[in-house]
Amino acid sequence: MAGPLPWQEAPWRRLMERKAAGRFPHALLIAGPAGIGKGAFVAALAGALLCEDSDGAACGRCAGCRQLAGGAHPDYSLWEPEEDAVTLKIHQIREMNQTIFLTRSRGPYKVCVVNPADAMTPAAADSLLKTLEEPPPLTVLLLVSHRTSQLSATIRSRCQVVRLAPCYGEPAIGWLGSQGMDTAAATSLLGITGGTPLRALALAGEGAMEEGGRVAAEVRDLCRGAADPATVAQRWCKAGLEVVLPWLQGAVQDAIRELFDPSGASLRGGTGEGGSGRLSLGHDLTLLFDIDSRLNRLGEALAKRHSLSPNSLAEQIAIPLYRAGDRSG
């Protein structure tokens, strides 16, 4: 069975030490940005907890491992939004609560995964809280979230938080190399995806490097007053905002960094032009922060499957970039 991803070794090792010592927490909140590999980490963790022949990672050979790999382990359950839904509803969490208190069939633990936990409705979260306060023995709740601020402070306090941090260098670059990506592309894509290797890999499969060059040129033209915001916004929508958005965020964030560090040493190469993030976005830091905030909200809207029209994108992003430009050069 697959283990944790290379950049997850430190938190994984700490948890395996606690497992071997018989002190594993009853509830973990696995937190980190989208694309950091929370799903892979949780799958490896569930395998380790349900393995019948190992004190560490899953052996992959015992009956428990075979049942889990086949999707038929009686002591494992996964709770996600129902098809075409974006929230986890109270009836699902109530059903999960009933499952938790059933007698274990064979595994060393009973494991319930809630993914994403921040998709729970308020009523569902309240229902889960009761179980977190009085969990049954040898039961582990694994809550997965990349927006932990949307979880109540009470739920967060009942869980031990495992943060999977972004990774910009090795071992993420090495892992992307094993997936067929060259070092320059891996470095650039990790920069614009905020150190999230799975997002970087997904973008690479969508022609992201070429798209990054186009977005950089469009942003530069907007800032020079040489492009029409409405036309550019329409092109971004046609290309796919999930591909365009990281390059836009990289360009704006590099412009902010450059205002604090004119040497350019802190730039992450988010413009698709060999590490040059200098797009002449002007010197209005307040406006740049406002554009960055708008891009973050746009990312949240896309994660919730909201649609955005070209006109709205022009008003929110393209026109402010046009106004932010430094035309002195």
Protein backbone atom coordinates (compact mmCIF):
# COMPACT_ATOMS: atom_id res chain seq x y z
CA MET A 1 0.00 0.00 0.00
CA ALA A 2 1.19 3.53 -0.72
CA GLY A 3 2.79 5.47 2.10
CA PRO A 4 2.97 9.22 2.70
CA LEU A 5 4.40 11.51 0.06
CA PRO A 6 8.07 12.50 0.43
CA TRP A 7 7.46 15.98 1.89
CA GLN A 8 5.18 14.50 4.58
CA GLU A 9 7.81 12.40 6.33
CA ALA A 10 8.19 14.54 9.48
CA PRO A 11 4.51 14.56 10.58
CA TRP A 12 4.19 10.93 9.51
CA ARG A 13 7.13 9.86 11.67
CA ARG A 14 5.70 11.64 14.73
CA LEU A 15 2.35 9.90 14.32
CA MET A 16 3.92 6.48 13.83
CA GLU A 17 5.88 6.96 17.04
CA ARG A 18 2.66 7.66 18.89
CA LYS A 19 1.00 4.64 17.28
CA ALA A 20 3.85 2.36 18.34
CA ALA A 21 3.62 3.74 21.88
CA GLY A 22 -0.14 3.11 22.03
CA ARG A 23 -0.90 6.82 22.41
CA PHE A 24 -2.58 7.61 19.11
CA PRO A 25 -5.02 10.58 19.27
CA HIS A 26 -8.74 9.86 18.95
CA ALA A 27 -9.22 12.73 16.48
CA LEU A 28 -6.83 14.36 14.02
CA LEU A 29 -7.42 17.45 11.91
CA ILE A 30 -5.28 17.03 8.79
CA ALA A 31 -4.79 20.58 7.57
CA GLY A 32 -3.00 22.06 4.60
CA PRO A 33 -3.57 23.83 1.29
CA ALA A 34 -5.32 22.11 -1.59
CA GLY A 35 -2.84 20.07 -3.58
CA ILE A 36 -0.46 19.30 -0.71
CA GLY A 37 -1.52 15.63 -0.65
CA LYS A 38 -3.85 15.43 2.35
CA GLY A 39 -5.79 12.60 0.71
CA ALA A 40 -2.67 10.51 0.22
CA PHE A 41 -1.57 11.17 3.80
CA VAL A 42 -4.95 10.17 5.22
CA ALA A 43 -5.11 7.04 3.07
CA ALA A 44 -1.67 5.99 4.28
CA LEU A 45 -2.67 6.76 7.87
CA ALA A 46 -5.89 4.73 7.62
CA GLY A 47 -3.87 1.85 6.21
CA ALA A 48 -1.39 2.02 9.07
CA LEU A 49 -4.17 2.06 11.68
CA LEU A 50 -6.05 -0.87 10.17
CA CYS A 51 -3.02 -3.02 9.39
CA GLU A 52 -2.97 -6.18 11.50
CA ASP A 53 0.74 -7.00 11.13
CA SER A 54 2.66 -3.75 11.59
CA ASP A 55 3.34 -1.12 14.26
CA GLY A 56 4.20 1.41 11.54
CA ALA A 57 3.09 1.81 7.95
CA ALA A 58 0.65 -0.69 6.44
CA CYS A 59 2.22 -3.99 5.41
CA GLY A 60 -0.05 -4.36 2.37
CA ARG A 61 -0.27 -8.13 2.85
CA CYS A 62 -2.49 -8.88 5.86
CA ALA A 63 -6.24 -9.46 5.63
CA GLY A 64 -6.96 -5.94 6.92
CA CYS A 65 -4.75 -4.32 4.28
CA ARG A 66 -6.32 -6.43 1.53
CA GLN A 67 -9.84 -5.53 2.65
CA LEU A 68 -9.01 -1.83 2.81
CA ALA A 69 -7.40 -1.91 -0.64
CA GLY A 70 -10.52 -3.59 -1.99
CA GLY A 71 -12.79 -0.96 -0.45
CA ALA A 72 -14.47 -3.48 1.85
CA HIS A 73 -12.93 -3.04 5.30
CA PRO A 74 -15.76 -3.15 7.88
CA ASP A 75 -13.98 -0.81 10.29
CA TYR A 76 -13.32 1.98 7.77
CA SER A 77 -15.76 4.58 6.52
CA LEU A 78 -15.37 7.71 4.38
CA TRP A 79 -17.85 10.58 4.61
CA GLU A 80 -17.94 13.10 1.77
CA PRO A 81 -20.56 15.40 0.24
CA GLU A 82 -23.14 13.43 -1.66
CA GLU A 83 -23.09 13.47 -5.45
CA ASP A 84 -23.67 16.98 -6.88
CA ALA A 85 -23.60 18.46 -3.35
CA VAL A 86 -21.00 20.77 -1.84
CA THR A 87 -21.88 20.24 1.84
CA LEU A 88 -21.84 17.38 4.31
CA LYS A 89 -25.32 17.20 5.76
CA ILE A 90 -26.48 16.35 9.24
CA HIS A 91 -28.02 13.00 8.25
CA GLN A 92 -24.60 11.86 7.03
CA ILE A 93 -22.85 12.80 10.27
CA ARG A 94 -25.62 11.16 12.30
CA GLU A 95 -25.13 7.98 10.29
CA MET A 96 -21.39 8.23 10.86
CA ASN A 97 -21.95 8.63 14.60
CA GLN A 98 -23.97 5.43 14.62
CA THR A 99 -21.22 3.65 12.70
CA ILE A 100 -18.58 4.80 15.15
CA PHE A 101 -20.28 3.16 18.11
CA LEU A 102 -20.68 -0.22 16.43
CA THR A 103 -18.33 -2.93 17.67
CA ARG A 104 -15.11 -3.26 15.71
CA SER A 105 -15.17 -6.23 13.36
CA ARG A 106 -11.46 -7.06 13.09
CA GLY A 107 -9.19 -4.05 12.87
CA PRO A 108 -6.96 -2.70 15.65
CA TYR A 109 -8.93 0.54 15.28
CA LYS A 110 -12.13 1.84 13.79
CA VAL A 111 -11.34 4.68 11.36
CA CYS A 112 -13.76 7.32 10.09
CA VAL A 113 -12.64 9.95 7.57
CA VAL A 114 -14.54 13.23 7.08
CA ASN A 115 -13.42 14.96 3.87
CA PRO A 116 -13.62 17.90 3.68
CA ALA A 117 -14.59 18.66 7.24
CA ASP A 118 -15.08 22.35 6.40
CA ALA A 119 -17.96 21.29 4.10
CA MET A 120 -20.12 20.31 7.08
CA THR A 121 -23.27 22.32 7.61
CA PRO A 122 -23.53 23.98 11.05
CA ALA A 123 -26.00 21.31 12.17
CA ALA A 124 -23.69 18.53 10.96
CA ALA A 125 -20.75 20.10 12.79
CA ASP A 126 -22.77 20.26 16.02
CA SER A 127 -23.64 16.59 15.63
CA LEU A 128 -19.98 15.67 15.14
CA LEU A 129 -18.96 17.70 18.17
CA LYS A 130 -20.89 15.40 20.50
CA THR A 131 -18.89 12.42 19.28
CA LEU A 132 -15.59 14.32 19.52
CA GLU A 133 -16.35 15.09 23.15
CA GLU A 134 -17.00 11.43 24.08
CA PRO A 135 -15.37 9.19 21.49
CA PRO A 136 -15.48 5.40 21.85
CA PRO A 137 -12.15 3.65 22.56
CA LEU A 138 -9.85 2.58 19.73
CA THR A 139 -11.71 4.80 17.28
CA VAL A 140 -9.93 7.46 15.22
CA LEU A 141 -11.65 10.33 13.47
CA LEU A 142 -9.63 11.85 10.63
CA LEU A 143 -10.93 15.28 9.63
CA VAL A 144 -9.48 16.71 6.41
CA SER A 145 -9.51 20.44 5.69
CA HIS A 146 -7.70 23.11 3.69
CA ARG A 147 -9.89 25.89 5.15
CA THR A 148 -9.67 25.24 8.87
CA SER A 149 -10.87 28.76 9.64
CA GLN A 150 -14.31 27.61 8.51
CA LEU A 151 -14.40 25.02 11.30
CA SER A 152 -15.61 26.09 14.70
CA ALA A 153 -13.00 26.76 17.36
CA THR A 154 -14.64 24.07 19.49
CA ILE A 155 -14.15 21.37 16.86
CA ARG A 156 -10.55 22.46 16.28
CA SER A 157 -9.87 22.30 20.01
CA ARG A 158 -11.14 18.70 20.20
CA CYS A 159 -8.67 17.53 17.54
CA GLN A 160 -4.91 17.34 17.36
CA VAL A 161 -3.90 19.34 14.31
CA VAL A 162 -1.46 17.89 11.79
CA ARG A 163 -0.34 20.63 9.40
CA LEU A 164 1.04 19.58 6.05
CA ALA A 165 3.22 22.52 5.06
CA PRO A 166 3.89 23.74 1.51
CA CYS A 167 7.14 22.51 -0.03
CA TYR A 168 9.02 24.55 -2.66
CA GLY A 169 12.27 22.59 -2.89
CA GLU A 170 13.41 19.07 -2.29
CA PRO A 171 11.77 16.62 -1.84
CA ALA A 172 8.86 18.10 -3.84
CA ILE A 173 11.08 18.87 -6.85
CA GLY A 174 12.51 15.36 -6.73
CA TRP A 175 9.03 13.84 -6.60
CA LEU A 176 7.85 15.94 -9.55
CA GLY A 177 10.99 14.83 -11.39
CA SER A 178 9.96 11.21 -10.82
CA GLN A 179 6.67 12.12 -12.51
CA GLY A 180 8.54 13.26 -15.62
CA MET A 181 8.85 17.00 -14.92
CA ASP A 182 12.13 18.84 -15.41
CA THR A 183 13.61 20.89 -12.57
CA ALA A 184 12.93 24.31 -14.10
CA ALA A 185 9.25 23.55 -14.70
CA ALA A 186 8.88 21.99 -11.25
CA THR A 187 10.42 25.03 -9.57
CA SER A 188 8.21 27.46 -11.48
CA LEU A 189 5.01 25.49 -10.96
CA LEU A 190 5.68 25.01 -7.25
CA GLY A 191 6.17 28.77 -7.04
CA ILE A 192 2.85 29.67 -8.58
CA THR A 193 0.89 26.94 -6.78
CA GLY A 194 2.15 27.94 -3.36
CA GLY A 195 4.33 24.90 -2.82
CA THR A 196 1.62 22.33 -3.52
CA PRO A 197 3.15 19.53 -5.62
CA LEU A 198 -0.11 17.84 -6.63
CA ARG A 199 -1.47 21.10 -8.01
CA ALA A 200 1.82 21.65 -9.78
CA LEU A 201 1.58 18.21 -11.36
CA ALA A 202 -2.03 18.77 -12.41
CA LEU A 203 -1.18 22.11 -14.01
CA ALA A 204 1.76 20.61 -15.88
CA GLY A 205 -0.63 18.18 -17.51
CA GLU A 206 -2.75 21.06 -18.77
CA GLY A 207 -0.06 22.96 -20.67
CA ALA A 208 0.43 25.33 -17.77
CA MET A 209 3.90 26.55 -18.71
CA GLU A 210 2.66 27.79 -22.07
CA GLU A 211 -0.40 29.29 -20.42
CA GLY A 212 1.81 30.97 -17.84
CA GLY A 213 3.70 32.77 -20.60
CA ARG A 214 0.45 33.97 -22.14
CA VAL A 215 -0.91 35.21 -18.81
CA ALA A 216 2.36 37.02 -18.06
CA ALA A 217 2.23 38.80 -21.41
CA GLU A 218 -1.43 39.75 -20.88
CA VAL A 219 -0.78 41.11 -17.40
CA ARG A 220 2.16 43.09 -18.72
CA ASP A 221 0.04 44.49 -21.56
CA LEU A 222 -2.75 45.41 -19.15
CA CYS A 223 -0.31 47.27 -16.94
CA ARG A 224 1.13 49.12 -19.93
CA GLY A 225 -2.31 50.11 -21.13
CA ALA A 226 -1.80 48.04 -24.29
CA ALA A 227 -4.63 45.52 -23.77
CA ASP A 228 -8.38 45.73 -23.35
CA PRO A 229 -9.46 44.36 -19.93
CA ALA A 230 -12.72 42.92 -21.27
CA THR A 231 -10.96 41.04 -24.09
CA VAL A 232 -8.30 39.66 -21.75
CA ALA A 233 -10.91 38.56 -19.19
CA GLN A 234 -12.84 36.75 -21.90
CA ARG A 235 -9.68 34.90 -22.96
CA TRP A 236 -8.98 33.89 -19.34
CA CYS A 237 -12.46 32.43 -18.97
CA LYS A 238 -12.10 30.51 -22.22
CA ALA A 239 -8.70 29.13 -21.17
CA GLY A 240 -10.08 27.98 -17.81
CA LEU A 241 -9.79 29.98 -14.61
CA GLU A 242 -8.43 27.00 -12.69
CA VAL A 243 -5.36 27.13 -14.99
CA VAL A 244 -5.08 30.91 -15.28
CA LEU A 245 -5.62 31.79 -11.62
CA PRO A 246 -2.30 30.47 -10.20
CA TRP A 247 -0.31 32.49 -12.76
CA LEU A 248 -2.27 35.64 -11.95
CA GLN A 249 -1.67 35.12 -8.24
CA GLY A 250 2.02 34.49 -8.85
CA ALA A 251 2.41 37.69 -10.86
CA VAL A 252 0.67 39.87 -8.28
CA GLN A 253 2.42 38.28 -5.30
CA ASP A 254 5.80 38.66 -6.97
CA ALA A 255 5.03 42.32 -7.60
CA ILE A 256 4.27 42.74 -3.89
CA ARG A 257 7.51 40.99 -2.96
CA GLU A 258 9.50 43.18 -5.31
CA LEU A 259 8.26 46.32 -3.56
CA PHE A 260 9.70 44.96 -0.31
CA ASP A 261 12.81 43.46 -1.94
CA PRO A 262 13.85 45.35 -5.12
CA SER A 263 16.75 42.92 -5.65
CA GLY A 264 14.25 40.29 -6.76
CA ALA A 265 15.88 37.64 -4.57
CA SER A 266 12.55 36.73 -2.96
CA LEU A 267 10.63 36.23 -6.20
CA ARG A 268 9.26 32.74 -6.74
CA GLY A 269 9.28 32.85 -10.52
CA GLY A 270 5.53 33.04 -10.86
CA THR A 271 5.36 34.70 -14.24
CA GLY A 272 6.39 31.87 -16.51
CA GLU A 273 9.37 33.79 -17.81
CA GLY A 274 12.37 32.02 -16.36
CA GLY A 275 11.86 33.40 -12.87
CA SER A 276 11.34 37.04 -13.77
CA GLY A 277 8.44 38.40 -11.77
CA ARG A 278 8.94 42.04 -12.77
CA LEU A 279 5.78 43.02 -14.53
CA SER A 280 5.77 46.76 -13.78
CA LEU A 281 2.67 46.58 -11.61
CA GLY A 282 3.36 49.99 -10.18
CA HIS A 283 3.98 51.04 -6.61
CA ASP A 284 0.46 51.17 -5.15
CA LEU A 285 0.86 48.49 -2.48
CA THR A 286 -2.69 48.92 -1.20
CA LEU A 287 -4.09 48.27 -4.67
CA LEU A 288 -1.83 45.25 -5.18
CA PHE A 289 -2.97 43.76 -1.88
CA ASP A 290 -6.56 44.41 -2.91
CA ILE A 291 -6.04 42.57 -6.22
CA ASP A 292 -4.38 39.67 -4.38
CA SER A 293 -7.33 39.49 -2.00
CA ARG A 294 -9.73 39.44 -4.93
CA LEU A 295 -7.80 36.59 -6.51
CA ASN A 296 -7.98 34.62 -3.25
CA ARG A 297 -11.74 35.11 -3.10
CA LEU A 298 -11.97 34.02 -6.72
CA GLY A 299 -10.10 30.83 -5.83
CA GLU A 300 -12.53 30.14 -2.99
CA ALA A 301 -15.48 30.70 -5.34
CA LEU A 302 -14.04 28.26 -7.87
CA ALA A 303 -13.52 25.67 -5.10
CA LYS A 304 -17.22 25.98 -4.33
CA ARG A 305 -18.03 25.52 -8.03
CA HIS A 306 -19.28 29.05 -8.52
CA SER A 307 -19.21 30.37 -12.05
CA LEU A 308 -17.78 33.73 -13.05
CA SER A 309 -18.62 35.67 -16.18
CA PRO A 310 -15.98 37.48 -18.29
CA ASN A 311 -17.59 40.80 -17.38
CA SER A 312 -17.28 40.05 -13.67
CA LEU A 313 -13.67 38.91 -14.09
CA ALA A 314 -12.83 42.09 -15.99
CA GLU A 315 -14.33 44.24 -13.25
CA GLN A 316 -12.70 42.34 -10.39
CA ILE A 317 -9.23 41.63 -11.79
CA ALA A 318 -8.41 42.87 -15.30
CA ILE A 319 -9.51 46.48 -14.84
CA PRO A 320 -7.72 46.87 -11.47
CA LEU A 321 -4.55 45.47 -13.09
CA TYR A 322 -4.97 48.00 -15.90
CA ARG A 323 -5.24 50.77 -13.32
CA ALA A 324 -2.34 49.43 -11.22
CA GLY A 325 0.16 49.56 -14.06
CA ASP A 326 3.28 51.64 -14.04
CA ARG A 327 3.40 53.31 -17.44
CA SER A 328 6.44 55.46 -16.70
CA GLY A 329 8.68 53.10 -18.63
